[in-house]
Amino acid sequence: MTESPLPESALPESPPSARQTPLAGVHERLGATMTEFAGWRMPLRYGSETAEHQAVRTASGLFDLSHMGELTVTGAQAGEALDYALVGQPSALRPGRARYTMICAADGGVLDDLIVYRLADAEFMVVANAANTAVVSRELTARAAGFAATVTDATTDYALIALQGRTSAAILATVTDTDLATVKYYASQRAAVCGQEVLLARTGYTGEDGFEMFCAPGDAVALWDGLTAAGDGHGLVPAGLAARDTLRLEAGMPLYGNELGPDMTPFDAGLGRVVKLDKPGDFVGRAALSEAAERPPRRVLAGLTSRSRRIPRHGYAVLWDGRPCGTVTSGAPSPTLGVPIALAYLDPEAAGLAAGQGGDAGDSKLTIDIRGRGEPADLVPLPFYTRSK
């Protein structure tokens, strides 16, 4: 759900006004290339973004995600307030569990995608994308009016560090007494890691097993350094936003502002499963989303692989037999597949025709307009990459 910039070759250095995470000194010490992102000064890469990507696929990577927004919703009716505010049913979560969901406008457009953690019977934490934290906070506050619930922006109370990859559990097991077998996917619990108190969650945005740790800002450096030391010998490397973007793209995970936005419904993105139309009571966007669920799709989110080496990027036109049929929403070289990949919204008819095209070596009617030249492409099933269990 979380944001990452497209890994363009040149991104502007962050301005002096950008907010710094508690790990700013660590990133400087490691020689990270920094960039402004959603008002924060964030590490784009520490060396080779491809090497960072491959480390997560084969071993593990360590990410600073402290730019993400944390909002708490507390009170006797916190669950009911969130049921009304969001498309999912957070009140059905057991304490210690989490769920991916969305907050939509009355017309069904997506305002943000979120993860909701139920921490206790009357306490929830909503994690929002950095660029949308203020919008989500405002909307949740307005929608909670009339419920016995209080919404608080707790972003400054947390730093967030993610340990992602195949060796993540092995690394973490050396620095915590928590039985990691009890921390299921999309579950969380209080734990001590590297001697620091954290909310430990088995969540992530890379397509690999991994953990996200919410800690007090003052504990972030000790937690980062402890995990780094524990990862010595396990292939752990620090990883920036560029690698995070290619990892989530390979895993077919949507990015707000690309695959999701106020002019798209969850059904457009193939994520209608998160909309709980059968939950009791009303919720914001119910009427519009009920209609969207019944009508034929206006567009289809599809996965494309390029037959050339040129890279499709956000906003590039997709064509079928020379006629525009869609738009690329995200694109990048895939270090795992070894070819350029893209997510794109296509007209349903063109998507059906492209699905029957096949991947032979002949001429492709499906092309991507890359700077004035149509590059042949193939429609492929999503996700591009699925980790082996």
Protein backbone atom coordinates (compact mmCIF):
# COMPACT_ATOMS: atom_id res chain seq x y z
CA MET A 1 0.00 0.00 0.00
CA THR A 2 2.83 2.30 0.73
CA GLU A 3 4.40 4.91 -1.49
CA SER A 4 7.71 4.81 -3.34
CA PRO A 5 9.00 7.07 -6.11
CA LEU A 6 9.63 5.74 -9.58
CA PRO A 7 13.34 4.93 -9.85
CA GLU A 8 14.22 7.63 -12.34
CA SER A 9 17.92 8.16 -13.00
CA ALA A 10 17.87 11.72 -11.67
CA LEU A 11 15.67 12.94 -8.86
CA PRO A 12 16.07 16.28 -7.09
CA GLU A 13 17.95 16.52 -3.83
CA SER A 14 15.61 17.19 -0.94
CA PRO A 15 15.05 20.86 -0.06
CA PRO A 16 16.07 22.17 3.37
CA SER A 17 12.39 22.35 4.39
CA ALA A 18 11.83 18.60 3.99
CA ARG A 19 11.11 16.70 7.21
CA GLN A 20 13.82 14.35 8.42
CA THR A 21 13.24 10.91 9.89
CA PRO A 22 14.91 9.89 13.16
CA LEU A 23 17.39 7.90 11.03
CA ALA A 24 18.69 10.88 9.03
CA GLY A 25 22.13 10.62 10.61
CA VAL A 26 22.32 6.91 9.79
CA HIS A 27 21.53 7.55 6.13
CA GLU A 28 24.20 10.25 5.99
CA ARG A 29 26.73 7.91 7.58
CA LEU A 30 25.90 5.24 5.00
CA GLY A 31 26.31 7.66 2.09
CA ALA A 32 22.73 7.34 0.88
CA THR A 33 21.46 9.32 -2.09
CA MET A 34 18.66 11.38 -0.57
CA THR A 35 15.56 12.78 -2.22
CA GLU A 36 12.45 14.71 -1.23
CA PHE A 37 9.41 12.48 -1.12
CA ALA A 38 5.97 13.52 0.15
CA GLY A 39 7.59 16.32 2.15
CA TRP A 40 10.21 14.05 3.73
CA ARG A 41 13.95 13.68 3.14
CA MET A 42 14.27 9.99 2.32
CA PRO A 43 17.01 7.59 1.12
CA LEU A 44 16.54 6.74 -2.55
CA ARG A 45 19.42 4.27 -2.66
CA TYR A 46 22.64 3.55 -0.77
CA GLY A 47 24.58 2.22 -3.74
CA SER A 48 23.07 0.13 -6.51
CA GLU A 49 19.28 -0.02 -6.37
CA THR A 50 19.42 -3.24 -8.41
CA ALA A 51 21.73 -4.83 -5.85
CA GLU A 52 19.42 -3.70 -3.04
CA HIS A 53 16.45 -5.21 -4.87
CA GLN A 54 18.24 -8.51 -5.43
CA ALA A 55 19.37 -8.63 -1.81
CA VAL A 56 15.74 -8.53 -0.67
CA ARG A 57 14.83 -11.32 -3.11
CA THR A 58 17.75 -13.55 -2.05
CA ALA A 59 18.51 -12.43 1.53
CA SER A 60 17.11 -9.30 3.26
CA GLY A 61 16.90 -5.53 3.14
CA LEU A 62 16.43 -2.92 5.86
CA PHE A 63 14.16 0.05 5.09
CA ASP A 64 13.40 3.33 6.84
CA LEU A 65 9.65 3.91 6.47
CA SER A 66 9.30 6.59 9.12
CA HIS A 67 7.59 8.91 6.63
CA MET A 68 4.41 6.83 6.82
CA GLY A 69 1.49 8.26 8.79
CA GLU A 70 0.17 6.64 11.96
CA LEU A 71 -3.31 7.57 13.17
CA THR A 72 -4.88 6.11 16.29
CA VAL A 73 -8.61 5.61 16.71
CA THR A 74 -9.68 4.91 20.27
CA GLY A 75 -12.89 4.70 22.24
CA ALA A 76 -15.85 2.45 22.90
CA GLN A 77 -17.10 2.86 19.31
CA ALA A 78 -13.73 2.98 17.53
CA GLY A 79 -14.55 -0.15 15.52
CA GLU A 80 -17.96 1.14 14.47
CA ALA A 81 -16.47 4.50 13.48
CA LEU A 82 -13.91 2.79 11.26
CA ASP A 83 -16.59 0.54 9.73
CA TYR A 84 -18.41 3.71 8.66
CA ALA A 85 -15.26 5.52 7.51
CA LEU A 86 -13.60 2.72 5.54
CA VAL A 87 -14.68 0.17 2.94
CA GLY A 88 -13.65 -2.77 5.10
CA GLN A 89 -14.90 -4.00 8.47
CA PRO A 90 -12.20 -3.29 11.07
CA SER A 91 -14.62 -4.08 13.90
CA ALA A 92 -14.42 -7.75 12.86
CA LEU A 93 -10.67 -7.87 13.50
CA ARG A 94 -9.42 -9.60 16.61
CA PRO A 95 -6.90 -7.67 18.73
CA GLY A 96 -3.46 -8.40 17.32
CA ARG A 97 -4.65 -8.71 13.72
CA ALA A 98 -4.35 -6.29 10.79
CA ARG A 99 -6.03 -5.80 7.43
CA TYR A 100 -5.42 -3.99 4.16
CA THR A 101 -8.28 -1.62 3.31
CA MET A 102 -9.12 1.72 1.70
CA ILE A 103 -10.82 4.99 2.49
CA CYS A 104 -13.06 6.20 -0.34
CA ALA A 105 -14.97 9.37 -1.16
CA ALA A 106 -18.75 9.34 -1.47
CA ASP A 107 -18.39 8.77 -5.23
CA GLY A 108 -16.29 5.63 -4.63
CA GLY A 109 -12.95 7.19 -5.56
CA VAL A 110 -9.98 6.00 -3.51
CA LEU A 111 -8.56 8.62 -1.14
CA ASP A 112 -5.87 6.28 0.17
CA ASP A 113 -5.07 2.64 0.76
CA LEU A 114 -4.34 1.75 4.37
CA ILE A 115 -3.41 -0.93 6.82
CA VAL A 116 -5.52 -1.05 9.98
CA TYR A 117 -4.09 -2.73 13.08
CA ARG A 118 -6.38 -3.62 15.96
CA LEU A 119 -4.20 -3.19 19.03
CA ALA A 120 -6.90 -3.72 21.68
CA ASP A 121 -10.67 -3.90 21.96
CA ALA A 122 -11.00 -0.11 21.83
CA GLU A 123 -7.73 0.84 20.11
CA PHE A 124 -6.82 0.79 16.42
CA MET A 125 -3.87 2.16 14.47
CA VAL A 126 -4.36 3.24 10.85
CA VAL A 127 -1.21 3.49 8.72
CA ALA A 128 -1.57 5.91 5.81
CA ASN A 129 0.65 6.90 2.92
CA ALA A 130 2.84 9.89 3.75
CA ALA A 131 1.38 12.19 1.10
CA ASN A 132 -2.16 11.42 2.27
CA THR A 133 -1.78 11.47 6.05
CA ALA A 134 -3.41 14.88 6.46
CA VAL A 135 -6.33 13.94 4.18
CA VAL A 136 -6.91 10.64 5.96
CA SER A 137 -6.69 12.30 9.38
CA ARG A 138 -9.21 14.96 8.36
CA GLU A 139 -11.61 12.45 6.83
CA LEU A 140 -11.41 10.01 9.74
CA THR A 141 -12.02 12.83 12.22
CA ALA A 142 -15.07 14.05 10.30
CA ARG A 143 -16.47 10.54 9.84
CA ALA A 144 -15.96 9.64 13.51
CA ALA A 145 -18.20 12.52 14.60
CA GLY A 146 -21.24 11.06 16.32
CA PHE A 147 -19.34 7.97 17.48
CA ALA A 148 -17.68 7.48 20.84
CA ALA A 149 -14.27 7.53 19.16
CA THR A 150 -11.25 9.83 19.06
CA VAL A 151 -8.88 10.17 16.09
CA THR A 152 -5.30 11.26 16.84
CA ASP A 153 -2.44 11.88 14.41
CA ALA A 154 0.36 9.98 16.14
CA THR A 155 2.89 10.13 13.27
CA THR A 156 5.50 11.97 15.34
CA ASP A 157 5.24 9.30 18.04
CA TYR A 158 6.70 6.61 15.79
CA ALA A 159 9.64 5.62 13.67
CA LEU A 160 9.04 2.68 11.34
CA ILE A 161 11.70 0.21 10.23
CA ALA A 162 11.02 -2.70 7.87
CA LEU A 163 13.10 -5.88 7.67
CA GLN A 164 12.13 -7.68 4.47
CA GLY A 165 13.39 -10.78 2.71
CA ARG A 166 13.99 -14.50 2.92
CA THR A 167 16.43 -14.27 5.82
CA SER A 168 14.39 -11.73 7.79
CA ALA A 169 12.96 -14.23 10.29
CA ALA A 170 16.39 -15.79 10.88
CA ILE A 171 17.88 -12.36 11.55
CA LEU A 172 15.07 -11.22 13.80
CA ALA A 173 15.10 -14.42 15.83
CA THR A 174 18.60 -13.57 17.10
CA VAL A 175 17.52 -10.23 18.62
CA THR A 176 14.11 -10.99 20.14
CA ASP A 177 12.66 -13.47 22.60
CA THR A 178 9.34 -13.41 20.74
CA ASP A 179 8.39 -16.71 19.12
CA LEU A 180 8.11 -15.52 15.52
CA ALA A 181 6.00 -18.55 14.62
CA THR A 182 3.22 -16.87 16.64
CA VAL A 183 3.42 -13.70 14.55
CA LYS A 184 1.27 -14.65 11.58
CA TYR A 185 0.98 -12.73 8.32
CA TYR A 186 -0.97 -9.52 8.95
CA ALA A 187 -0.66 -9.90 12.72
CA SER A 188 1.12 -7.75 15.29
CA GLN A 189 2.16 -7.84 18.91
CA ARG A 190 4.25 -5.90 21.38
CA ALA A 191 7.81 -7.18 21.51
CA ALA A 192 11.36 -6.31 22.48
CA VAL A 193 13.76 -6.21 19.53
CA CYS A 194 17.43 -5.34 20.04
CA GLY A 195 16.41 -4.27 23.54
CA GLN A 196 13.87 -1.74 22.22
CA GLU A 197 10.11 -1.91 22.75
CA VAL A 198 8.31 -2.16 19.40
CA LEU A 199 5.02 -3.05 17.82
CA LEU A 200 6.15 -5.97 15.68
CA ALA A 201 4.01 -6.70 12.61
CA ARG A 202 4.41 -9.34 9.92
CA THR A 203 3.56 -7.02 7.05
CA GLY A 204 5.44 -5.52 4.11
CA TYR A 205 5.42 -4.15 0.59
CA THR A 206 8.03 -6.25 -1.20
CA GLY A 207 6.41 -9.60 -2.00
CA GLU A 208 8.71 -11.33 0.50
CA ASP A 209 8.31 -12.46 4.08
CA GLY A 210 9.20 -9.69 6.46
CA PHE A 211 8.45 -7.57 9.47
CA GLU A 212 7.67 -3.93 10.19
CA MET A 213 8.64 -2.47 13.56
CA PHE A 214 7.03 0.65 15.02
CA CYS A 215 9.18 2.17 17.74
CA ALA A 216 9.69 5.43 19.60
CA PRO A 217 11.70 7.89 17.48
CA GLY A 218 14.46 7.99 20.09
CA ASP A 219 14.92 4.21 19.81
CA ALA A 220 15.19 4.10 16.01
CA VAL A 221 18.98 4.36 15.69
CA ALA A 222 19.60 1.63 18.27
CA LEU A 223 17.05 -0.61 16.57
CA TRP A 224 18.53 -0.01 13.10
CA ASP A 225 22.10 -0.60 14.29
CA GLY A 226 21.09 -3.72 16.23
CA LEU A 227 19.33 -5.23 13.24
CA THR A 228 22.26 -4.33 10.98
CA ALA A 229 24.67 -6.14 13.31
CA ALA A 230 22.33 -9.14 13.54
CA GLY A 231 22.16 -9.27 9.74
CA ASP A 232 25.90 -9.60 9.33
CA GLY A 233 26.40 -12.96 7.67
CA HIS A 234 22.77 -13.13 6.53
CA GLY A 235 23.17 -10.88 3.49
CA LEU A 236 21.30 -7.92 5.01
CA VAL A 237 21.77 -4.57 3.26
CA PRO A 238 20.15 -1.15 3.74
CA ALA A 239 17.66 -0.52 0.95
CA GLY A 240 16.07 2.67 -0.33
CA LEU A 241 12.81 3.76 -1.91
CA ALA A 242 13.93 2.91 -5.45
CA ALA A 243 14.37 -0.78 -4.65
CA ARG A 244 11.14 -0.76 -2.70
CA ASP A 245 9.33 0.46 -5.80
CA THR A 246 10.65 -2.26 -8.10
CA LEU A 247 10.00 -4.89 -5.43
CA ARG A 248 6.35 -3.89 -5.01
CA LEU A 249 5.91 -3.61 -8.79
CA GLU A 250 7.16 -7.16 -9.35
CA ALA A 251 4.75 -8.29 -6.62
CA GLY A 252 1.87 -6.52 -8.40
CA MET A 253 1.15 -4.26 -5.42
CA PRO A 254 -0.63 -0.96 -6.17
CA LEU A 255 0.92 2.44 -5.56
CA TYR A 256 -1.30 5.35 -4.62
CA GLY A 257 -1.05 8.05 -7.27
CA ASN A 258 -0.36 5.43 -9.94
CA GLU A 259 -2.73 2.45 -9.73
CA LEU A 260 -4.98 4.09 -7.13
CA GLY A 261 -6.45 7.58 -6.91
CA PRO A 262 -9.62 9.64 -6.46
CA ASP A 263 -10.74 8.92 -10.04
CA MET A 264 -10.51 5.15 -9.52
CA THR A 265 -12.59 2.76 -7.44
CA PRO A 266 -11.20 -0.37 -5.76
CA PHE A 267 -13.03 -2.36 -8.46
CA ASP A 268 -11.08 -0.58 -11.21
CA ALA A 269 -7.86 -1.78 -9.61
CA GLY A 270 -9.10 -5.36 -9.29
CA LEU A 271 -9.31 -4.93 -5.52
CA GLY A 272 -13.06 -5.13 -5.07
CA ARG A 273 -12.48 -7.87 -2.49
CA VAL A 274 -11.56 -5.21 0.10
CA VAL A 275 -15.02 -3.62 -0.17
CA LYS A 276 -17.35 -5.27 2.34
CA LEU A 277 -20.77 -4.48 0.89
CA ASP A 278 -22.36 -7.07 3.18
CA LYS A 279 -21.23 -5.49 6.45
CA PRO A 280 -23.99 -4.08 8.65
CA GLY A 281 -24.76 -0.37 8.59
CA ASP A 282 -23.89 2.32 6.13
CA PHE A 283 -20.42 3.50 5.13
CA VAL A 284 -19.08 6.35 3.06
CA GLY A 285 -19.21 5.41 -0.63
CA ARG A 286 -21.54 2.41 -0.22
CA ALA A 287 -24.06 3.46 -2.91
CA ALA A 288 -21.40 4.29 -5.51
CA LEU A 289 -19.39 1.16 -4.78
CA SER A 290 -22.48 -1.05 -4.91
CA GLU A 291 -23.13 0.31 -8.40
CA ALA A 292 -19.47 -0.17 -9.40
CA ALA A 293 -19.63 -3.79 -8.27
CA GLU A 294 -22.55 -4.52 -10.61
CA ARG A 295 -21.48 -2.77 -13.81
CA PRO A 296 -18.95 -4.13 -16.32
CA PRO A 297 -15.44 -2.83 -15.66
CA ARG A 298 -14.55 0.44 -17.35
CA ARG A 299 -10.87 -0.55 -17.40
CA VAL A 300 -8.70 -3.48 -16.42
CA LEU A 301 -5.45 -3.30 -14.48
CA ALA A 302 -3.04 -5.52 -16.40
CA GLY A 303 0.56 -6.66 -16.24
CA LEU A 304 2.77 -6.08 -19.27
CA THR A 305 6.25 -7.25 -20.18
CA SER A 306 8.21 -5.50 -22.90
CA ARG A 307 9.88 -7.37 -25.76
CA SER A 308 12.44 -4.58 -26.07
CA ARG A 309 14.92 -3.21 -23.55
CA ARG A 310 13.32 0.24 -23.44
CA ILE A 311 11.57 1.08 -20.17
CA PRO A 312 7.85 1.92 -20.03
CA ARG A 313 7.07 4.67 -17.54
CA HIS A 314 4.05 6.15 -15.82
CA GLY A 315 1.78 7.93 -18.30
CA TYR A 316 3.00 6.23 -21.47
CA ALA A 317 0.24 5.22 -23.89
CA VAL A 318 -0.56 1.57 -24.59
CA LEU A 319 -1.83 0.71 -28.09
CA TRP A 320 -3.62 -2.23 -29.69
CA ASP A 321 -3.04 -2.48 -33.43
CA GLY A 322 -1.87 1.13 -33.44
CA ARG A 323 -4.88 2.56 -31.60
CA PRO A 324 -4.70 3.86 -27.98
CA CYS A 325 -6.19 1.36 -25.57
CA GLY A 326 -4.72 2.26 -22.21
CA THR A 327 -2.07 3.94 -20.10
CA VAL A 328 0.95 2.71 -18.16
CA THR A 329 0.61 3.42 -14.44
CA SER A 330 3.98 2.03 -13.26
CA GLY A 331 6.97 0.69 -15.13
CA ALA A 332 10.57 -0.28 -14.45
CA PRO A 333 13.27 -2.80 -15.31
CA SER A 334 12.62 -6.02 -13.41
CA PRO A 335 15.85 -7.28 -11.82
CA THR A 336 14.19 -10.64 -11.10
CA LEU A 337 12.65 -11.26 -14.53
CA GLY A 338 15.39 -9.53 -16.51
CA VAL A 339 12.92 -7.60 -18.71
CA PRO A 340 11.06 -4.30 -18.42
CA ILE A 341 7.64 -4.66 -16.76
CA ALA A 342 4.65 -2.38 -16.34
CA LEU A 343 1.23 -2.11 -14.79
CA ALA A 344 -1.31 -0.45 -17.06
CA TYR A 345 -5.01 0.29 -17.21
CA LEU A 346 -6.43 -1.12 -20.46
CA ASP A 347 -9.80 -1.02 -22.17
CA PRO A 348 -11.55 -4.34 -21.37
CA GLU A 349 -11.86 -5.24 -25.06
CA ALA A 350 -8.17 -4.63 -25.73
CA ALA A 351 -7.23 -6.56 -22.60
CA GLY A 352 -9.22 -9.54 -23.89
CA LEU A 353 -7.58 -9.38 -27.29
CA ALA A 354 -4.12 -9.00 -25.77
CA ALA A 355 -4.72 -12.02 -23.54
CA GLY A 356 -5.22 -14.12 -26.66
CA GLN A 357 -2.19 -12.74 -28.48
CA GLY A 358 0.27 -15.21 -27.04
CA GLY A 359 3.95 -14.66 -26.54
CA ASP A 360 5.42 -15.98 -29.79
CA ALA A 361 8.19 -14.24 -31.65
CA GLY A 362 5.87 -12.75 -34.28
CA ASP A 363 4.61 -9.21 -34.52
CA SER A 364 2.81 -7.93 -31.44
CA LYS A 365 -0.36 -5.90 -31.86
CA LEU A 366 0.06 -4.74 -28.27
CA THR A 367 2.64 -1.97 -28.03
CA ILE A 368 3.75 0.73 -25.62
CA ASP A 369 4.50 4.17 -27.02
CA ILE A 370 7.94 4.91 -25.60
CA ARG A 371 8.95 8.37 -26.73
CA GLY A 372 7.27 8.10 -30.10
CA ARG A 373 8.08 4.51 -30.97
CA GLY A 374 5.76 1.57 -30.42
CA GLU A 375 7.60 -1.14 -28.49
CA PRO A 376 6.03 -4.64 -28.61
CA ALA A 377 4.66 -5.96 -25.33
CA ASP A 378 2.81 -8.96 -23.92
CA LEU A 379 0.02 -9.16 -21.39
CA VAL A 380 0.97 -11.49 -18.52
CA PRO A 381 -0.77 -12.66 -15.34
CA LEU A 382 -0.26 -10.70 -12.13
CA PRO A 383 1.74 -10.70 -10.00
CA PHE A 384 4.94 -10.78 -12.03
CA TYR A 385 6.71 -12.43 -9.09
CA THR A 386 5.49 -14.76 -6.33
CA ARG A 387 7.89 -15.89 -3.64
CA SER A 388 8.42 -19.58 -3.04
CA LYS A 389 7.07 -20.74 0.30
